[in-house]
Every structure is written in C-alpha cells, then in structure tokens.
C-alpha cells in the first residue's frame, strides 16, 4: 500500500531570511522517511531573534547533519522554529480533535523517530506587536 505524502507545517508566528539555502529546501532534502517520523528545523536559542523561552530540545549529536532529538530536557540549547515535515498518519491516527503536537513528539523522542537539523538562516519569532516593531526595524 502506498504511504501518504509527508506534510510540511510552519507555525504562523515565525519567519526566516534565507542564509544560502532555504530552510524549506533543506527540510525536504534532509527528510528520510525510513528513519524519521518527524524532522524539525531547529535554531540555537541565542540566535533566534525575539525568542525569550528556555529552549525546546537538545540533539543527540550537534555535529551531524541530522540527528535524533535527545531525551535530555535540561539546559535545552535549541528552539523548534515551527518548520517541520512529518508523516500524516501521526495525526490522522490521533484520537483527539484538539491536541498539542508535543503529545505526538514525546513518544517519538523515546523511540528515536524524531530528528532535528540546525538551520543557519536568520529566524524571527513574533509574539507581540512590540516584537513585530523590533523585527521590522531590524530588517529595514
């Protein structure tokens, strides 16, 4: 039976300015459905303009092109940019109508089926009108 094509999802509160290659192109190039159920685009939290959180994830190996998301949840170095590619059955099989993707992520982390790659583009997080103004001034 043919598997449905993977889905690409981008959160609406982030955007990027390409470094050399679009993060979207890289996401598609790095996607390996044999080893991965989800691939996340990550950014070092200190380089994500407008981000004020504690970080989302660590990776198992920061030197590799793509590496499994680590199950170590302390001193999280990377932020999930909101750009991801995933197998649609992950949400089609979900029993709830409303849910956080974190409910999908965490079991896959334990199974080593969720991967991340660290992007080099300039990423921006817009949470408030003040963030929008700061970013607008920065990219003028």
N, C-alpha and C. Protein backbone atom coordinates (compact mmCIF):
# COMPACT_ATOMS: atom_id res chain seq x y z
N UNK A 1 0.84 -1.18 0.00
CA UNK A 1 0.00 0.00 0.00
C UNK A 1 0.89 1.25 0.00
N UNK A 2 0.51 2.23 -0.79
CA UNK A 2 1.26 3.48 -0.85
C UNK A 2 1.05 4.29 0.42
N UNK A 3 2.13 4.86 0.91
CA UNK A 3 2.05 5.73 2.08
C UNK A 3 1.66 7.13 1.61
N UNK A 4 0.84 7.84 2.38
CA UNK A 4 0.54 9.22 2.00
C UNK A 4 1.80 10.08 2.05
N UNK A 5 1.81 11.10 1.23
CA UNK A 5 2.97 12.00 1.19
C UNK A 5 3.11 12.74 2.52
N UNK A 6 4.35 13.06 2.90
CA UNK A 6 4.55 13.78 4.16
C UNK A 6 3.95 15.18 4.10
N UNK A 7 3.64 15.70 5.27
CA UNK A 7 3.09 17.04 5.39
C UNK A 7 4.16 17.98 5.91
N UNK A 8 4.13 19.21 5.40
CA UNK A 8 5.03 20.25 5.88
C UNK A 8 4.16 21.26 6.62
N UNK A 9 4.62 21.65 7.79
CA UNK A 9 3.87 22.58 8.62
C UNK A 9 4.80 23.70 9.08
N UNK A 10 4.31 24.94 9.02
CA UNK A 10 5.06 26.09 9.52
C UNK A 10 4.16 26.88 10.44
N UNK A 11 4.61 27.11 11.67
CA UNK A 11 3.85 27.94 12.61
C UNK A 11 3.77 29.36 12.07
N UNK A 12 2.69 30.03 12.38
CA UNK A 12 2.45 31.36 11.81
C UNK A 12 3.14 32.49 12.56
N UNK A 13 3.80 32.20 13.67
CA UNK A 13 4.45 33.27 14.44
C UNK A 13 5.95 33.35 14.22
N UNK A 14 6.45 32.68 13.19
CA UNK A 14 7.88 32.73 12.88
C UNK A 14 8.08 32.98 11.39
N UNK A 15 9.24 33.52 11.05
CA UNK A 15 9.65 33.59 9.65
C UNK A 15 11.17 33.64 9.61
N UNK A 16 11.72 33.49 8.42
CA UNK A 16 13.16 33.47 8.27
C UNK A 16 13.58 34.29 7.07
N UNK A 17 14.86 34.65 7.08
CA UNK A 17 15.51 35.25 5.91
C UNK A 17 16.60 34.26 5.53
N UNK A 18 16.56 33.78 4.29
CA UNK A 18 17.48 32.74 3.85
C UNK A 18 18.93 33.14 4.05
N UNK A 19 19.71 32.17 4.48
CA UNK A 19 21.15 32.33 4.55
C UNK A 19 21.68 32.06 3.14
N UNK A 20 21.85 30.82 2.78
CA UNK A 20 22.24 30.46 1.41
C UNK A 20 21.18 29.56 0.78
N UNK A 21 20.66 28.64 1.56
CA UNK A 21 19.63 27.72 1.08
C UNK A 21 18.42 27.84 1.98
N UNK A 22 17.25 27.84 1.39
CA UNK A 22 16.02 27.96 2.15
C UNK A 22 15.87 26.81 3.15
N UNK A 23 15.47 27.10 4.38
CA UNK A 23 15.21 26.04 5.34
C UNK A 23 14.17 25.04 4.84
N UNK A 24 13.24 25.50 4.03
CA UNK A 24 12.24 24.61 3.46
C UNK A 24 12.89 23.61 2.50
N UNK A 25 13.79 24.09 1.66
CA UNK A 25 14.53 23.19 0.77
C UNK A 25 15.36 22.19 1.56
N UNK A 26 16.04 22.68 2.60
CA UNK A 26 16.87 21.80 3.42
C UNK A 26 16.02 20.74 4.12
N UNK A 27 14.87 21.14 4.62
CA UNK A 27 13.97 20.21 5.29
C UNK A 27 13.60 19.06 4.36
N UNK A 28 13.26 19.40 3.13
CA UNK A 28 12.87 18.38 2.14
C UNK A 28 14.07 17.51 1.78
N UNK A 29 15.24 18.12 1.59
CA UNK A 29 16.44 17.35 1.25
C UNK A 29 16.84 16.38 2.36
N UNK A 30 16.70 16.80 3.60
CA UNK A 30 17.16 16.01 4.74
C UNK A 30 16.14 14.95 5.18
N UNK A 31 14.93 15.05 4.72
CA UNK A 31 13.86 14.14 5.12
C UNK A 31 14.18 12.70 4.69
N UNK A 32 14.12 11.79 5.64
CA UNK A 32 14.36 10.37 5.37
C UNK A 32 13.25 9.57 6.07
N UNK A 33 12.18 9.26 5.35
CA UNK A 33 11.03 8.59 5.98
C UNK A 33 11.33 7.18 6.49
N UNK A 34 12.43 6.61 6.06
CA UNK A 34 12.79 5.28 6.57
C UNK A 34 13.19 5.36 8.04
N UNK A 35 13.93 6.41 8.40
CA UNK A 35 14.44 6.57 9.77
C UNK A 35 13.64 7.54 10.61
N UNK A 36 12.85 8.40 9.96
CA UNK A 36 12.21 9.52 10.66
C UNK A 36 10.70 9.45 10.54
N UNK A 37 10.03 9.84 11.62
CA UNK A 37 8.59 10.09 11.55
C UNK A 37 8.34 11.59 11.49
N UNK A 38 9.25 12.36 12.09
CA UNK A 38 9.18 13.82 12.08
C UNK A 38 10.61 14.36 11.95
N UNK A 39 10.75 15.44 11.17
CA UNK A 39 12.01 16.18 11.11
C UNK A 39 11.70 17.63 11.44
N UNK A 40 12.37 18.16 12.45
CA UNK A 40 12.18 19.53 12.90
C UNK A 40 13.34 20.41 12.47
N UNK A 41 13.02 21.62 12.08
CA UNK A 41 14.04 22.64 11.83
C UNK A 41 14.29 23.33 13.17
N UNK A 42 15.54 23.33 13.61
CA UNK A 42 15.92 23.90 14.90
C UNK A 42 16.84 25.10 14.72
N UNK A 43 16.88 25.94 15.72
CA UNK A 43 17.77 27.10 15.73
C UNK A 43 18.35 27.23 17.13
N UNK A 44 19.62 27.60 17.22
CA UNK A 44 20.22 27.85 18.52
C UNK A 44 19.41 28.97 19.18
N UNK A 45 18.98 28.76 20.42
CA UNK A 45 18.07 29.73 21.05
C UNK A 45 18.69 31.12 21.18
N UNK A 46 20.00 31.21 21.28
CA UNK A 46 20.63 32.53 21.39
C UNK A 46 20.65 33.27 20.06
N UNK A 47 20.37 32.58 18.96
CA UNK A 47 20.37 33.19 17.63
C UNK A 47 18.97 33.38 17.04
N UNK A 48 17.93 33.13 17.82
CA UNK A 48 16.55 33.21 17.33
C UNK A 48 15.97 34.55 17.80
N UNK A 49 15.96 35.54 16.91
CA UNK A 49 15.56 36.90 17.26
C UNK A 49 14.11 36.92 17.77
N UNK A 50 13.92 37.51 18.94
CA UNK A 50 12.58 37.64 19.51
C UNK A 50 12.18 36.48 20.41
N UNK A 51 12.99 35.43 20.44
CA UNK A 51 12.64 34.28 21.28
C UNK A 51 13.09 34.53 22.71
N UNK A 52 12.19 34.29 23.68
CA UNK A 52 12.51 34.54 25.09
C UNK A 52 12.33 33.31 25.97
N UNK A 53 12.20 32.15 25.40
CA UNK A 53 11.96 30.95 26.19
C UNK A 53 13.24 30.27 26.66
N UNK A 54 13.06 29.10 27.25
CA UNK A 54 14.17 28.32 27.80
C UNK A 54 14.74 27.32 26.80
N UNK A 55 14.19 27.28 25.61
CA UNK A 55 14.61 26.29 24.62
C UNK A 55 13.63 25.14 24.59
N UNK A 56 13.67 24.37 23.51
CA UNK A 56 12.73 23.27 23.32
C UNK A 56 13.38 21.90 23.36
N UNK A 57 14.56 21.79 22.73
CA UNK A 57 15.16 20.47 22.55
C UNK A 57 16.68 20.54 22.60
N UNK A 58 17.26 19.39 22.78
CA UNK A 58 18.68 19.14 22.53
C UNK A 58 18.73 18.08 21.44
N UNK A 59 19.85 17.99 20.76
CA UNK A 59 20.02 16.92 19.78
C UNK A 59 21.05 15.93 20.31
N UNK A 60 21.00 14.73 19.77
CA UNK A 60 21.92 13.69 20.22
C UNK A 60 23.34 13.97 19.78
N UNK A 61 23.50 14.67 18.65
CA UNK A 61 24.83 14.95 18.12
C UNK A 61 24.76 16.23 17.31
N UNK A 62 25.31 17.30 17.84
CA UNK A 62 25.23 18.60 17.17
C UNK A 62 26.11 18.71 15.94
N UNK A 63 27.03 17.79 15.75
CA UNK A 63 27.94 17.89 14.61
C UNK A 63 27.39 17.18 13.38
N UNK A 64 26.39 16.34 13.55
CA UNK A 64 25.84 15.62 12.41
C UNK A 64 24.86 16.50 11.64
N UNK A 65 24.64 16.13 10.38
CA UNK A 65 23.73 16.84 9.52
C UNK A 65 22.31 16.83 10.09
N UNK A 66 21.86 15.68 10.50
CA UNK A 66 20.55 15.48 11.13
C UNK A 66 20.78 14.51 12.27
N UNK A 67 20.19 14.77 13.39
CA UNK A 67 20.38 13.82 14.49
C UNK A 67 19.10 13.68 15.28
N UNK A 68 18.95 12.55 15.96
CA UNK A 68 17.75 12.35 16.77
C UNK A 68 17.65 13.41 17.86
N UNK A 69 16.42 13.79 18.15
CA UNK A 69 16.18 14.70 19.27
C UNK A 69 16.51 13.93 20.54
N UNK A 70 17.24 14.56 21.43
CA UNK A 70 17.67 13.92 22.67
C UNK A 70 16.54 13.90 23.69
N UNK A 71 16.57 12.89 24.55
CA UNK A 71 15.58 12.84 25.63
C UNK A 71 16.09 13.52 26.89
N UNK A 72 17.14 14.32 26.76
CA UNK A 72 17.66 15.12 27.87
C UNK A 72 16.96 16.48 27.80
N UNK A 73 16.17 16.79 28.82
CA UNK A 73 15.36 18.01 28.78
C UNK A 73 15.84 19.06 29.77
N UNK A 74 17.15 19.12 30.00
CA UNK A 74 17.70 20.18 30.84
C UNK A 74 18.68 20.98 29.99
N UNK A 75 18.80 22.25 30.29
CA UNK A 75 19.69 23.14 29.54
C UNK A 75 19.49 22.99 28.04
N UNK A 76 18.25 23.13 27.60
CA UNK A 76 17.93 22.93 26.19
C UNK A 76 18.51 24.06 25.35
N UNK A 77 19.31 23.69 24.39
CA UNK A 77 20.09 24.63 23.60
C UNK A 77 19.34 25.12 22.36
N UNK A 78 18.42 24.32 21.87
CA UNK A 78 17.79 24.63 20.58
C UNK A 78 16.30 24.91 20.71
N UNK A 79 15.83 25.76 19.79
CA UNK A 79 14.43 26.13 19.70
C UNK A 79 13.87 25.49 18.43
N UNK A 80 12.68 24.97 18.54
CA UNK A 80 11.94 24.49 17.38
C UNK A 80 11.43 25.72 16.64
N UNK A 81 11.81 25.89 15.38
CA UNK A 81 11.46 27.09 14.62
C UNK A 81 9.99 27.13 14.22
N UNK A 82 9.33 26.00 14.27
CA UNK A 82 7.95 25.92 13.80
C UNK A 82 7.85 25.30 12.43
N UNK A 83 9.00 25.01 11.79
CA UNK A 83 9.02 24.37 10.48
C UNK A 83 9.32 22.89 10.67
N UNK A 84 8.46 22.05 10.10
CA UNK A 84 8.63 20.60 10.26
C UNK A 84 8.02 19.85 9.10
N UNK A 85 8.47 18.62 8.93
CA UNK A 85 7.87 17.69 7.98
C UNK A 85 7.58 16.41 8.77
N UNK A 86 6.42 15.81 8.49
CA UNK A 86 6.05 14.63 9.27
C UNK A 86 5.13 13.72 8.48
N UNK A 87 5.06 12.50 8.94
CA UNK A 87 4.17 11.50 8.34
C UNK A 87 2.74 11.80 8.78
N UNK A 88 1.82 11.92 7.83
CA UNK A 88 0.46 12.32 8.18
C UNK A 88 -0.28 11.33 9.08
N UNK A 89 0.09 10.07 9.05
CA UNK A 89 -0.60 9.10 9.91
C UNK A 89 -0.43 9.44 11.39
N UNK A 90 0.61 10.21 11.74
CA UNK A 90 0.83 10.58 13.13
C UNK A 90 -0.33 11.39 13.70
N UNK A 91 -0.94 12.22 12.85
CA UNK A 91 -2.08 12.99 13.34
C UNK A 91 -3.41 12.38 12.91
N UNK A 92 -3.41 11.66 11.81
CA UNK A 92 -4.66 11.02 11.38
C UNK A 92 -5.09 9.95 12.38
N UNK A 93 -4.12 9.30 13.00
CA UNK A 93 -4.42 8.24 13.96
C UNK A 93 -4.67 8.78 15.37
N UNK A 94 -4.47 10.09 15.55
CA UNK A 94 -4.65 10.67 16.89
C UNK A 94 -6.14 10.72 17.21
N UNK A 95 -6.48 10.38 18.42
CA UNK A 95 -7.89 10.22 18.80
C UNK A 95 -8.58 11.51 19.21
N UNK A 96 -7.83 12.57 19.49
CA UNK A 96 -8.43 13.83 19.93
C UNK A 96 -8.65 14.76 18.74
N UNK A 97 -9.64 15.65 18.86
CA UNK A 97 -9.85 16.66 17.84
C UNK A 97 -8.90 17.84 18.01
N UNK A 98 -8.58 18.18 19.26
CA UNK A 98 -7.64 19.27 19.56
C UNK A 98 -6.53 18.71 20.42
N UNK A 99 -5.30 18.98 20.02
CA UNK A 99 -4.16 18.48 20.78
C UNK A 99 -2.92 19.28 20.43
N UNK A 100 -1.94 19.22 21.29
CA UNK A 100 -0.65 19.84 21.05
C UNK A 100 0.24 18.82 20.34
N UNK A 101 1.03 19.27 19.39
CA UNK A 101 1.96 18.35 18.73
C UNK A 101 2.98 17.78 19.70
N UNK A 102 3.16 18.43 20.84
CA UNK A 102 4.07 17.88 21.85
C UNK A 102 3.60 16.49 22.29
N UNK A 103 2.29 16.27 22.25
CA UNK A 103 1.76 14.95 22.59
C UNK A 103 2.19 13.90 21.58
N UNK A 104 2.47 14.33 20.37
CA UNK A 104 2.99 13.44 19.33
C UNK A 104 4.50 13.32 19.46
N UNK A 105 5.17 14.44 19.75
CA UNK A 105 6.64 14.48 19.80
C UNK A 105 7.23 13.54 20.85
N UNK A 106 6.76 13.64 22.09
CA UNK A 106 7.46 12.97 23.19
C UNK A 106 7.55 11.45 23.07
N UNK A 107 6.50 10.75 22.67
CA UNK A 107 6.67 9.30 22.46
C UNK A 107 7.68 8.98 21.36
N UNK A 108 7.73 9.84 20.33
CA UNK A 108 8.67 9.61 19.22
C UNK A 108 10.11 9.89 19.64
N UNK A 109 10.31 10.80 20.58
CA UNK A 109 11.66 11.06 21.09
C UNK A 109 12.19 9.79 21.75
N UNK A 110 11.36 9.17 22.56
CA UNK A 110 11.79 7.93 23.24
C UNK A 110 12.11 6.83 22.24
N UNK A 111 11.40 6.82 21.11
CA UNK A 111 11.61 5.79 20.08
C UNK A 111 12.71 6.17 19.09
N UNK A 112 13.31 7.37 19.26
CA UNK A 112 14.35 7.88 18.35
C UNK A 112 13.83 8.00 16.91
N UNK A 113 12.58 8.48 16.77
CA UNK A 113 11.96 8.62 15.46
C UNK A 113 11.73 10.09 15.09
N UNK A 114 12.12 11.01 15.98
CA UNK A 114 12.00 12.43 15.69
C UNK A 114 13.42 13.01 15.64
N UNK A 115 13.71 13.69 14.53
CA UNK A 115 15.04 14.21 14.28
C UNK A 115 14.98 15.73 14.16
N UNK A 116 16.14 16.35 14.26
CA UNK A 116 16.23 17.78 14.07
C UNK A 116 17.49 18.13 13.30
N UNK A 117 17.42 19.22 12.59
CA UNK A 117 18.64 19.77 11.99
C UNK A 117 18.70 21.24 12.39
N UNK A 118 19.91 21.74 12.52
CA UNK A 118 20.14 23.10 13.00
C UNK A 118 20.32 24.01 11.80
N UNK A 119 19.42 24.97 11.66
CA UNK A 119 19.42 25.84 10.49
C UNK A 119 20.30 27.06 10.72
N UNK A 120 20.87 27.58 9.63
CA UNK A 120 21.78 28.72 9.70
C UNK A 120 21.13 30.03 9.27
N UNK A 121 19.90 29.99 8.78
CA UNK A 121 19.23 31.22 8.35
C UNK A 121 18.89 32.09 9.55
N UNK A 122 18.59 33.35 9.28
CA UNK A 122 18.14 34.27 10.34
C UNK A 122 16.66 34.00 10.60
N UNK A 123 16.33 33.61 11.83
CA UNK A 123 14.95 33.30 12.22
C UNK A 123 14.43 34.37 13.17
N UNK A 124 13.13 34.65 13.05
CA UNK A 124 12.48 35.68 13.84
C UNK A 124 11.19 35.12 14.45
N UNK A 125 10.97 35.44 15.72
CA UNK A 125 9.77 34.99 16.43
C UNK A 125 8.95 36.23 16.80
N UNK A 126 7.69 36.24 16.38
CA UNK A 126 6.82 37.39 16.64
C UNK A 126 5.72 36.95 17.59
N UNK A 127 5.76 37.45 18.83
CA UNK A 127 4.74 37.11 19.83
C UNK A 127 3.81 38.27 20.12
N UNK A 128 4.34 39.47 19.97
CA UNK A 128 3.59 40.66 20.38
C UNK A 128 3.76 41.76 19.33
N UNK A 129 2.91 42.79 19.38
CA UNK A 129 3.12 43.93 18.49
C UNK A 129 4.49 44.58 18.68
N UNK A 130 5.01 44.56 19.90
CA UNK A 130 6.35 45.11 20.16
C UNK A 130 7.40 44.30 19.42
N UNK A 131 7.28 42.96 19.46
CA UNK A 131 8.20 42.10 18.70
C UNK A 131 8.16 42.46 17.22
N UNK A 132 6.95 42.64 16.70
CA UNK A 132 6.79 42.98 15.29
C UNK A 132 7.54 44.27 14.95
N UNK A 133 7.39 45.28 15.79
CA UNK A 133 8.06 46.57 15.55
C UNK A 133 9.58 46.41 15.59
N UNK A 134 10.09 45.66 16.57
CA UNK A 134 11.54 45.45 16.69
C UNK A 134 12.08 44.73 15.45
N UNK A 135 11.37 43.71 15.02
CA UNK A 135 11.81 42.94 13.85
C UNK A 135 11.74 43.80 12.60
N UNK A 136 10.67 44.55 12.46
CA UNK A 136 10.51 45.44 11.31
C UNK A 136 11.67 46.42 11.22
N UNK A 137 12.07 46.99 12.36
CA UNK A 137 13.20 47.92 12.39
C UNK A 137 14.52 47.21 12.09
N UNK A 138 14.66 45.99 12.56
CA UNK A 138 15.91 45.24 12.36
C UNK A 138 16.14 44.89 10.89
N UNK A 139 15.09 44.56 10.16
CA UNK A 139 15.28 44.08 8.79
C UNK A 139 15.14 45.17 7.74
N UNK A 140 14.95 46.42 8.16
CA UNK A 140 14.87 47.54 7.20
C UNK A 140 16.17 47.73 6.49
